[in-house]
Amino acid sequence: MGKTVLMIIQVIASLILIASILLQSGKSAGLSGSIAGGAEQLMGKHKGRSYETLLSKATTVGAVVFIITSVVLVYIQKQ
């Protein structure tokens, strides 16, 4: 029962990790980043930063949960 719950939590954490990593923009956005840079100055930079901060926190939380559930599942498996 507990092993199944941990596996479900791990699957959810992995989906959160996949989504949050894929939605983040790269450090060098290239040509599209230079075009969007002008729009960012007009609309304000805080909107993009809060979105990036949210994705960064989601990635961190997803990674921590994934690692903890992985270690616990391995520990359960070895017993």
C-alpha atoms as a PDB file:
ATOM      1  CA  MET A   1       0.000   0.000   0.000  1.00  0.00           C
ATOM      2  CA  GLY A   2       2.685   2.506   1.014  1.00  0.00           C
ATOM      3  CA  LYS A   3       4.882   1.491  -1.910  1.00  0.00           C
ATOM      4  CA  THR A   4       2.066   2.196  -4.357  1.00  0.00           C
ATOM      5  CA  VAL A   5       1.454   5.654  -2.870  1.00  0.00           C
ATOM      6  CA  LEU A   6       5.153   6.471  -3.116  1.00  0.00           C
ATOM      7  CA  MET A   7       5.230   5.331  -6.735  1.00  0.00           C
ATOM      8  CA  ILE A   8       2.242   7.541  -7.571  1.00  0.00           C
ATOM      9  CA  ILE A   9       3.927  10.507  -5.856  1.00  0.00           C
ATOM     10  CA  GLN A  10       7.088   9.802  -7.834  1.00  0.00           C
ATOM     11  CA  VAL A  11       5.196   9.754 -11.140  1.00  0.00           C
ATOM     12  CA  ILE A  12       3.529  13.080 -10.285  1.00  0.00           C
ATOM     13  CA  ALA A  13       6.890  14.574  -9.304  1.00  0.00           C
ATOM     14  CA  SER A  14       8.446  13.390 -12.558  1.00  0.00           C
ATOM     15  CA  LEU A  15       5.622  14.937 -14.594  1.00  0.00           C
ATOM     16  CA  ILE A  16       6.067  18.221 -12.721  1.00  0.00           C
ATOM     17  CA  LEU A  17       9.799  18.077 -13.421  1.00  0.00           C
ATOM     18  CA  ILE A  18       9.300  17.393 -17.124  1.00  0.00           C
ATOM     19  CA  ALA A  19       6.756  20.185 -17.545  1.00  0.00           C
ATOM     20  CA  SER A  20       8.662  22.782 -15.544  1.00  0.00           C
ATOM     21  CA  ILE A  21      11.955  22.075 -17.316  1.00  0.00           C
ATOM     22  CA  LEU A  22      10.407  22.157 -20.775  1.00  0.00           C
ATOM     23  CA  LEU A  23       8.580  25.440 -20.073  1.00  0.00           C
ATOM     24  CA  GLN A  24      11.691  27.270 -18.914  1.00  0.00           C
ATOM     25  CA  SER A  25      13.458  29.428 -21.451  1.00  0.00           C
ATOM     26  CA  GLY A  26      17.147  29.010 -22.032  1.00  0.00           C
ATOM     27  CA  LYS A  27      19.765  31.483 -20.851  1.00  0.00           C
ATOM     28  CA  SER A  28      20.517  32.486 -24.440  1.00  0.00           C
ATOM     29  CA  ALA A  29      17.194  32.765 -26.200  1.00  0.00           C
ATOM     30  CA  GLY A  30      18.874  33.797 -29.470  1.00  0.00           C
ATOM     31  CA  LEU A  31      16.995  35.844 -32.071  1.00  0.00           C
ATOM     32  CA  SER A  32      13.602  35.261 -30.505  1.00  0.00           C
ATOM     33  CA  GLY A  33      14.955  36.576 -27.210  1.00  0.00           C
ATOM     34  CA  SER A  34      16.138  39.788 -28.837  1.00  0.00           C
ATOM     35  CA  ILE A  35      12.749  40.320 -30.487  1.00  0.00           C
ATOM     36  CA  ALA A  36      10.876  39.597 -27.255  1.00  0.00           C
ATOM     37  CA  GLY A  37      13.308  41.823 -25.365  1.00  0.00           C
ATOM     38  CA  GLY A  38      11.725  44.942 -26.868  1.00  0.00           C
ATOM     39  CA  ALA A  39       8.265  43.790 -25.874  1.00  0.00           C
ATOM     40  CA  GLU A  40       9.550  43.025 -22.391  1.00  0.00           C
ATOM     41  CA  GLN A  41      10.674  46.610 -21.965  1.00  0.00           C
ATOM     42  CA  LEU A  42       7.256  47.885 -23.015  1.00  0.00           C
ATOM     43  CA  MET A  43       5.201  45.488 -20.910  1.00  0.00           C
ATOM     44  CA  GLY A  44       7.447  45.287 -17.885  1.00  0.00           C
ATOM     45  CA  LYS A  45      10.036  42.780 -16.800  1.00  0.00           C
ATOM     46  CA  HIS A  46       8.366  41.657 -13.577  1.00  0.00           C
ATOM     47  CA  LYS A  47       5.810  39.435 -15.286  1.00  0.00           C
ATOM     48  CA  GLY A  48       8.454  37.273 -16.932  1.00  0.00           C
ATOM     49  CA  ARG A  49      10.563  37.096 -13.813  1.00  0.00           C
ATOM     50  CA  SER A  50       7.698  35.944 -11.612  1.00  0.00           C
ATOM     51  CA  TYR A  51       6.849  33.241 -14.164  1.00  0.00           C
ATOM     52  CA  GLU A  52      10.470  32.125 -14.319  1.00  0.00           C
ATOM     53  CA  THR A  53      10.673  32.154 -10.514  1.00  0.00           C
ATOM     54  CA  LEU A  54       7.559  29.990 -10.273  1.00  0.00           C
ATOM     55  CA  LEU A  55       8.981  27.483 -12.769  1.00  0.00           C
ATOM     56  CA  SER A  56      12.302  27.447 -10.941  1.00  0.00           C
ATOM     57  CA  LYS A  57      10.624  26.728  -7.611  1.00  0.00           C
ATOM     58  CA  ALA A  58       8.446  24.022  -9.187  1.00  0.00           C
ATOM     59  CA  THR A  59      11.567  22.404 -10.623  1.00  0.00           C
ATOM     60  CA  THR A  60      13.325  22.490  -7.256  1.00  0.00           C
ATOM     61  CA  VAL A  61      10.356  21.047  -5.355  1.00  0.00           C
ATOM     62  CA  GLY A  62       9.777  18.377  -8.003  1.00  0.00           C
ATOM     63  CA  ALA A  63      13.431  17.344  -7.934  1.00  0.00           C
ATOM     64  CA  VAL A  64      13.541  17.127  -4.128  1.00  0.00           C
ATOM     65  CA  VAL A  65      10.337  15.074  -3.973  1.00  0.00           C
ATOM     66  CA  PHE A  66      11.574  12.815  -6.785  1.00  0.00           C
ATOM     67  CA  ILE A  67      14.908  12.159  -5.065  1.00  0.00           C
ATOM     68  CA  ILE A  68      13.319  11.506  -1.659  1.00  0.00           C
ATOM     69  CA  THR A  69      10.746   9.093  -3.072  1.00  0.00           C
ATOM     70  CA  SER A  70      13.459   7.319  -5.083  1.00  0.00           C
ATOM     71  CA  VAL A  71      15.633   6.807  -2.016  1.00  0.00           C
ATOM     72  CA  VAL A  72      12.691   5.612   0.090  1.00  0.00           C
ATOM     73  CA  LEU A  73      11.549   3.189  -2.624  1.00  0.00           C
ATOM     74  CA  VAL A  74      15.050   1.740  -2.913  1.00  0.00           C
ATOM     75  CA  TYR A  75      15.204   1.389   0.868  1.00  0.00           C
ATOM     76  CA  ILE A  76      11.830  -0.395   0.915  1.00  0.00           C
ATOM     77  CA  GLN A  77      12.906  -2.667  -1.947  1.00  0.00           C
ATOM     78  CA  LYS A  78      16.106  -3.742  -0.135  1.00  0.00           C
ATOM     79  CA  GLN A  79      14.233  -4.867   2.978  1.00  0.00           C
END
